[in-house]
Structure formats: structure tokens, C-alpha cells
Amino acid sequence: MGPKLGPLLQCNGFSQGVNPDDFRGPGFKSGYDPVWMDLLSKHVEKPFHVLVGGGDQLYCDGMMREHEMQEWVSKMKPEDKKTFPLTPEIETCIDRYLFNHYCQHFRSGAFARANSSM
């Protein structure tokens, strides 16, 4: 029988009201790095075979601060938000934000090293 392997759960996000740099710690470039450096050190000791992203690796709350989103954000009633038109400007904003946000997170820091080494 092989070694017993348990799941290792990591989160790579902070809610919109949290400054990630508050969690940076000495020697880290980002508040995201400590958790991924811990994972990478465990990977060196006993290599993982797979790293599965369950959807909590990238928070996109910051999109609500984009200029094009403000009219939608200001709607107080959920039914007003549900029927708000998806304009070409909002669609472009969403595409731009998500593309840049994903590229930024997946190409930098310890998160990128973890994703590329497991």
C-alpha cells in the first residue's frame, strides 16, 4: 500500500476590504506569497503530483471598482441589477479586468511557481 496522501487546501484571495500587504511578512514581496512558499517548501520535502484549482485562487472583487461598473454597482435593489443592460462598455471592462487580473496573478510570485512546478 502506498503512502497516505491527504488534501492540502490553499486559498489565494483576500476580500475587497483587506489589504494583502498586511499579510506579506518579512522577506515576502506579496501578501499572497507566504501561503504558496509554505506549499512549495512542502513540495520540495515530499513532491505533490497535482495542484488542483478549485476556484478560490483568484478573487475578482476589485472589478467592482472599475469605472464602467459604477452605475451597476450603485443599484441597490437586486432586481435592478439583474435587469441592468450589459453594454459594450461593461462587456469590454469585464474582459479587460479579468484578462489583466488573471495574467497578473498566474505569472507572478510564488503562486506562479507553484502552478508551474506541480
N, C-alpha and C. Protein backbone atom coordinates (compact mmCIF):
# COMPACT_ATOMS: atom_id res chain seq x y z
N MET A 1 0.85 -1.18 0.00
CA MET A 1 0.00 0.00 0.00
C MET A 1 0.89 1.24 0.00
N GLY A 2 0.56 2.20 -0.83
CA GLY A 2 1.33 3.44 -0.95
C GLY A 2 1.11 4.37 0.22
N PRO A 3 1.83 5.47 0.22
CA PRO A 3 1.67 6.43 1.31
C PRO A 3 0.29 7.07 1.30
N LYS A 4 -0.20 7.35 2.49
CA LYS A 4 -1.49 8.01 2.60
C LYS A 4 -1.32 9.50 2.31
N LEU A 5 -2.05 9.99 1.34
CA LEU A 5 -1.97 11.39 0.97
C LEU A 5 -3.29 12.07 1.29
N GLY A 6 -3.23 13.14 2.02
CA GLY A 6 -4.42 13.90 2.34
C GLY A 6 -4.45 15.16 1.51
N PRO A 7 -5.61 15.78 1.43
CA PRO A 7 -5.70 17.02 0.65
C PRO A 7 -5.01 18.17 1.38
N LEU A 8 -4.43 19.04 0.61
CA LEU A 8 -3.84 20.26 1.14
C LEU A 8 -4.61 21.40 0.50
N LEU A 9 -5.30 22.16 1.32
CA LEU A 9 -6.15 23.23 0.81
C LEU A 9 -5.46 24.57 0.97
N GLN A 10 -5.40 25.32 -0.11
CA GLN A 10 -4.79 26.64 -0.10
C GLN A 10 -5.80 27.64 -0.66
N CYS A 11 -5.76 28.83 -0.17
CA CYS A 11 -6.57 29.90 -0.71
C CYS A 11 -5.63 31.01 -1.16
N ASN A 12 -5.96 31.68 -2.22
CA ASN A 12 -5.08 32.72 -2.75
C ASN A 12 -5.82 34.03 -2.88
N GLY A 13 -6.76 34.29 -2.02
CA GLY A 13 -7.52 35.51 -2.19
C GLY A 13 -7.75 36.27 -0.91
N PHE A 14 -8.05 37.52 -1.09
CA PHE A 14 -8.42 38.40 0.01
C PHE A 14 -9.68 39.14 -0.41
N SER A 15 -10.58 39.34 0.52
CA SER A 15 -11.78 40.11 0.22
C SER A 15 -11.39 41.54 -0.12
N GLN A 16 -12.31 42.23 -0.76
CA GLN A 16 -12.05 43.56 -1.27
C GLN A 16 -11.58 44.52 -0.19
N GLY A 17 -12.06 44.41 1.03
CA GLY A 17 -11.70 45.34 2.08
C GLY A 17 -10.41 45.00 2.81
N VAL A 18 -9.68 44.00 2.34
CA VAL A 18 -8.46 43.57 3.01
C VAL A 18 -7.25 43.94 2.16
N ASN A 19 -6.24 44.51 2.79
CA ASN A 19 -5.00 44.83 2.09
C ASN A 19 -4.08 43.61 2.16
N PRO A 20 -3.80 42.95 1.03
CA PRO A 20 -2.96 41.75 1.03
C PRO A 20 -1.57 42.00 1.62
N ASP A 21 -1.07 43.23 1.50
CA ASP A 21 0.26 43.52 2.02
C ASP A 21 0.32 43.44 3.55
N ASP A 22 -0.83 43.52 4.21
CA ASP A 22 -0.86 43.35 5.66
C ASP A 22 -0.44 41.94 6.06
N PHE A 23 -0.47 41.00 5.12
CA PHE A 23 -0.14 39.61 5.38
C PHE A 23 1.20 39.22 4.74
N ARG A 24 1.91 40.18 4.24
CA ARG A 24 3.14 39.92 3.49
C ARG A 24 4.21 39.28 4.36
N GLY A 25 4.52 39.84 5.48
CA GLY A 25 5.57 39.32 6.34
C GLY A 25 6.95 39.67 5.83
N PRO A 26 7.95 39.57 6.70
CA PRO A 26 9.32 39.94 6.32
C PRO A 26 9.86 39.04 5.20
N GLY A 27 10.44 39.66 4.20
CA GLY A 27 11.08 38.91 3.13
C GLY A 27 10.16 38.53 1.98
N PHE A 28 8.88 38.82 2.08
CA PHE A 28 7.94 38.48 1.01
C PHE A 28 7.58 39.71 0.20
N LYS A 29 7.44 39.53 -1.11
CA LYS A 29 7.09 40.64 -2.00
C LYS A 29 5.58 40.89 -2.02
N SER A 30 4.81 39.90 -1.59
CA SER A 30 3.36 39.99 -1.69
C SER A 30 2.72 39.29 -0.51
N GLY A 31 1.53 39.73 -0.14
CA GLY A 31 0.77 39.05 0.90
C GLY A 31 0.27 37.69 0.47
N TYR A 32 0.32 37.43 -0.83
CA TYR A 32 -0.10 36.13 -1.35
C TYR A 32 1.01 35.08 -1.20
N ASP A 33 2.24 35.53 -1.15
CA ASP A 33 3.38 34.61 -1.22
C ASP A 33 3.56 33.67 -0.01
N PRO A 34 3.32 34.10 1.24
CA PRO A 34 3.63 33.19 2.35
C PRO A 34 2.96 31.82 2.25
N VAL A 35 1.69 31.79 1.90
CA VAL A 35 0.98 30.51 1.83
C VAL A 35 1.55 29.64 0.70
N TRP A 36 1.93 30.26 -0.42
CA TRP A 36 2.46 29.49 -1.55
C TRP A 36 3.90 29.07 -1.32
N MET A 37 4.67 29.87 -0.60
CA MET A 37 6.03 29.46 -0.25
C MET A 37 5.99 28.27 0.70
N ASP A 38 5.02 28.27 1.60
CA ASP A 38 4.84 27.12 2.50
C ASP A 38 4.52 25.86 1.69
N LEU A 39 3.63 25.99 0.72
CA LEU A 39 3.29 24.86 -0.14
C LEU A 39 4.50 24.39 -0.93
N LEU A 40 5.27 25.33 -1.48
CA LEU A 40 6.46 24.98 -2.26
C LEU A 40 7.50 24.28 -1.39
N SER A 41 7.66 24.69 -0.14
CA SER A 41 8.63 24.01 0.74
C SER A 41 8.17 22.59 1.06
N LYS A 42 6.86 22.40 1.21
CA LYS A 42 6.34 21.04 1.43
C LYS A 42 6.52 20.19 0.17
N HIS A 43 6.38 20.82 -0.99
CA HIS A 43 6.55 20.14 -2.28
C HIS A 43 8.00 19.65 -2.44
N VAL A 44 8.97 20.42 -1.94
CA VAL A 44 10.38 20.02 -2.01
C VAL A 44 10.61 18.80 -1.11
N GLU A 45 10.00 18.81 0.08
CA GLU A 45 10.17 17.70 1.03
C GLU A 45 9.53 16.41 0.51
N LYS A 46 8.33 16.53 -0.01
CA LYS A 46 7.58 15.37 -0.49
C LYS A 46 6.73 15.85 -1.67
N PRO A 47 7.23 15.65 -2.90
CA PRO A 47 6.58 16.24 -4.07
C PRO A 47 5.11 15.86 -4.23
N PHE A 48 4.34 16.86 -4.59
CA PHE A 48 2.93 16.66 -4.91
C PHE A 48 2.85 16.24 -6.37
N HIS A 49 1.83 15.48 -6.69
CA HIS A 49 1.65 15.03 -8.07
C HIS A 49 0.73 15.95 -8.87
N VAL A 50 -0.10 16.70 -8.16
CA VAL A 50 -1.06 17.56 -8.85
C VAL A 50 -1.43 18.74 -7.95
N LEU A 51 -1.73 19.83 -8.59
CA LEU A 51 -2.24 21.01 -7.91
C LEU A 51 -3.56 21.35 -8.59
N VAL A 52 -4.64 21.24 -7.86
CA VAL A 52 -5.97 21.46 -8.43
C VAL A 52 -6.50 22.80 -7.94
N GLY A 53 -6.90 23.64 -8.86
CA GLY A 53 -7.51 24.92 -8.50
C GLY A 53 -9.01 24.77 -8.41
N GLY A 54 -9.55 25.01 -7.23
CA GLY A 54 -10.98 24.84 -7.02
C GLY A 54 -11.79 26.12 -7.16
N GLY A 55 -11.17 27.18 -7.61
CA GLY A 55 -11.93 28.40 -7.83
C GLY A 55 -11.67 29.48 -6.80
N ASP A 56 -10.94 29.17 -5.74
CA ASP A 56 -10.70 30.15 -4.69
C ASP A 56 -9.29 30.73 -4.81
N GLN A 57 -8.66 30.55 -5.96
CA GLN A 57 -7.29 31.02 -6.14
C GLN A 57 -7.22 32.48 -6.55
N LEU A 58 -8.31 33.00 -7.04
CA LEU A 58 -8.28 34.36 -7.56
C LEU A 58 -9.59 35.07 -7.26
N TYR A 59 -9.51 36.04 -6.38
CA TYR A 59 -10.68 36.85 -6.06
C TYR A 59 -10.76 38.00 -7.06
N CYS A 60 -11.95 38.29 -7.53
CA CYS A 60 -12.12 39.34 -8.54
C CYS A 60 -12.99 40.48 -8.02
N ASP A 61 -13.05 40.64 -6.71
CA ASP A 61 -13.85 41.72 -6.11
C ASP A 61 -13.45 43.09 -6.64
N GLY A 62 -12.18 43.27 -6.98
CA GLY A 62 -11.69 44.56 -7.44
C GLY A 62 -12.38 45.07 -8.70
N MET A 63 -12.99 44.17 -9.45
CA MET A 63 -13.69 44.59 -10.67
C MET A 63 -14.80 45.58 -10.34
N MET A 64 -15.34 45.51 -9.13
CA MET A 64 -16.42 46.42 -8.75
C MET A 64 -15.94 47.86 -8.59
N ARG A 65 -14.64 48.07 -8.60
CA ARG A 65 -14.10 49.43 -8.51
C ARG A 65 -13.84 50.04 -9.90
N GLU A 66 -14.00 49.25 -10.94
CA GLU A 66 -13.77 49.76 -12.30
C GLU A 66 -14.82 50.82 -12.64
N HIS A 67 -14.37 51.85 -13.34
CA HIS A 67 -15.23 52.99 -13.68
C HIS A 67 -16.52 52.54 -14.38
N GLU A 68 -16.40 51.66 -15.35
CA GLU A 68 -17.56 51.24 -16.15
C GLU A 68 -18.60 50.48 -15.34
N MET A 69 -18.22 49.97 -14.17
CA MET A 69 -19.13 49.16 -13.36
C MET A 69 -19.92 49.99 -12.36
N GLN A 70 -19.59 51.26 -12.20
CA GLN A 70 -20.16 52.05 -11.10
C GLN A 70 -21.67 52.24 -11.18
N GLU A 71 -22.22 52.42 -12.34
CA GLU A 71 -23.67 52.58 -12.43
C GLU A 71 -24.38 51.31 -11.98
N TRP A 72 -23.86 50.15 -12.37
CA TRP A 72 -24.44 48.87 -11.93
C TRP A 72 -24.23 48.66 -10.43
N VAL A 73 -23.03 48.96 -9.95
CA VAL A 73 -22.73 48.79 -8.52
C VAL A 73 -23.65 49.64 -7.67
N SER A 74 -24.01 50.83 -8.14
CA SER A 74 -24.82 51.75 -7.34
C SER A 74 -26.28 51.32 -7.22
N LYS A 75 -26.71 50.37 -8.02
CA LYS A 75 -28.10 49.89 -7.92
C LYS A 75 -28.26 49.15 -6.59
N MET A 76 -29.28 49.51 -5.85
CA MET A 76 -29.47 48.93 -4.52
C MET A 76 -30.34 47.67 -4.56
N LYS A 77 -31.29 47.63 -5.44
CA LYS A 77 -32.22 46.51 -5.49
C LYS A 77 -31.67 45.40 -6.38
N PRO A 78 -31.67 44.16 -5.88
CA PRO A 78 -31.16 43.04 -6.70
C PRO A 78 -31.88 42.92 -8.04
N GLU A 79 -33.19 43.20 -8.07
CA GLU A 79 -33.92 43.08 -9.35
C GLU A 79 -33.44 44.12 -10.36
N ASP A 80 -32.99 45.30 -9.87
CA ASP A 80 -32.44 46.31 -10.78
C ASP A 80 -31.10 45.84 -11.35
N LYS A 81 -30.32 45.17 -10.55
CA LYS A 81 -29.03 44.66 -11.03
C LYS A 81 -29.24 43.54 -12.05
N LYS A 82 -30.24 42.69 -11.79
CA LYS A 82 -30.49 41.56 -12.70
C LYS A 82 -30.94 42.02 -14.08
N THR A 83 -31.63 43.14 -14.15
CA THR A 83 -32.16 43.59 -15.44
C THR A 83 -31.32 44.70 -16.06
N PHE A 84 -30.22 45.05 -15.43
CA PHE A 84 -29.35 46.12 -15.95
C PHE A 84 -28.73 45.63 -17.26
N PRO A 85 -28.73 46.46 -18.30
CA PRO A 85 -28.21 46.02 -19.60
C PRO A 85 -26.69 45.83 -19.59
N LEU A 86 -26.26 44.80 -20.27
CA LEU A 86 -24.83 44.55 -20.46
C LEU A 86 -24.41 45.34 -21.71
N THR A 87 -23.88 46.52 -21.47
CA THR A 87 -23.49 47.39 -22.58
C THR A 87 -22.14 46.92 -23.14
N PRO A 88 -21.81 47.34 -24.35
CA PRO A 88 -20.48 47.01 -24.90
C PRO A 88 -19.35 47.52 -24.00
N GLU A 89 -19.55 48.69 -23.35
CA GLU A 89 -18.53 49.24 -22.47
C GLU A 89 -18.31 48.35 -21.24
N ILE A 90 -19.41 47.87 -20.66
CA ILE A 90 -19.29 46.99 -19.49
C ILE A 90 -18.67 45.67 -19.90
N GLU A 91 -19.07 45.13 -21.03
CA GLU A 91 -18.50 43.87 -21.52
C GLU A 91 -16.99 44.00 -21.74
N THR A 92 -16.58 45.10 -22.34
CA THR A 92 -15.15 45.36 -22.55
C THR A 92 -14.43 45.49 -21.22
N CYS A 93 -15.05 46.18 -20.27
CA CYS A 93 -14.47 46.34 -18.94
C CYS A 93 -14.25 44.99 -18.26
N ILE A 94 -15.26 44.14 -18.32
CA ILE A 94 -15.16 42.81 -17.69
C ILE A 94 -14.04 42.00 -18.34
N ASP A 95 -14.01 41.98 -19.66
CA ASP A 95 -12.96 41.24 -20.38
C ASP A 95 -11.58 41.77 -20.02
N ARG A 96 -11.43 43.10 -20.05
CA ARG A 96 -10.14 43.73 -19.74
C ARG A 96 -9.69 43.42 -18.32
N TYR A 97 -10.61 43.60 -17.36
CA TYR A 97 -10.27 43.37 -15.96
C TYR A 97 -9.84 41.92 -15.73
N LEU A 98 -10.67 40.98 -16.18
CA LEU A 98 -10.38 39.56 -15.93
C LEU A 98 -9.10 39.12 -16.63
N PHE A 99 -8.89 39.54 -17.87
CA PHE A 99 -7.67 39.17 -18.58
C PHE A 99 -6.44 39.67 -17.82
N ASN A 100 -6.43 40.95 -17.48
CA ASN A 100 -5.28 41.52 -16.78
C ASN A 100 -5.09 40.92 -15.39
N HIS A 101 -6.18 40.71 -14.68
CA HIS A 101 -6.13 40.17 -13.32
C HIS A 101 -5.57 38.73 -13.33
N TYR A 102 -6.08 37.90 -14.23
CA TYR A 102 -5.59 36.53 -14.33
C TYR A 102 -4.12 36.49 -14.75
N CYS A 103 -3.76 37.28 -15.75
CA CYS A 103 -2.36 37.31 -16.18
C CYS A 103 -1.45 37.74 -15.04
N GLN A 104 -1.83 38.77 -14.31
CA GLN A 104 -1.02 39.27 -13.20
C GLN A 104 -0.80 38.18 -12.16
N HIS A 105 -1.85 37.49 -11.76
CA HIS A 105 -1.73 36.51 -10.68
C HIS A 105 -1.07 35.21 -11.11
N PHE A 106 -1.33 34.77 -12.32
CA PHE A 106 -0.79 33.49 -12.75
C PHE A 106 0.64 33.58 -13.28
N ARG A 107 1.17 34.79 -13.47
CA ARG A 107 2.54 34.90 -13.97
C ARG A 107 3.52 35.44 -12.94
N SER A 108 3.07 35.70 -11.73
CA SER A 108 3.99 36.33 -10.77
C SER A 108 3.93 35.66 -9.40
N GLY A 109 5.02 35.82 -8.69
CA GLY A 109 5.08 35.38 -7.30
C GLY A 109 5.14 33.87 -7.12
N ALA A 110 5.00 33.49 -5.88
CA ALA A 110 5.08 32.08 -5.51
C ALA A 110 3.90 31.28 -6.07
N PHE A 111 2.77 31.93 -6.26
CA PHE A 111 1.61 31.24 -6.86
C PHE A 111 1.96 30.72 -8.25
N ALA A 112 2.64 31.55 -9.05
CA ALA A 112 3.05 31.13 -10.40
C ALA A 112 4.05 29.98 -10.32
N ARG A 113 4.99 30.05 -9.38
CA ARG A 113 5.97 28.97 -9.24
C ARG A 113 5.30 27.67 -8.82
N ALA A 114 4.32 27.74 -7.93
CA ALA A 114 3.60 26.53 -7.51
C ALA A 114 2.84 25.94 -8.69
N ASN A 115 2.13 26.77 -9.44
CA ASN A 115 1.37 26.29 -10.59
C ASN A 115 2.27 25.66 -11.66
N SER A 116 3.48 26.19 -11.82
CA SER A 116 4.34 25.69 -12.88
C SER A 116 5.22 24.51 -12.47
N SER A 117 5.20 24.16 -11.20
CA SER A 117 6.08 23.08 -10.75
C SER A 117 5.36 21.84 -10.26
N MET A 118 4.06 21.86 -10.24
CA MET A 118 3.30 20.67 -9.79
C MET A 118 2.40 20.17 -10.87
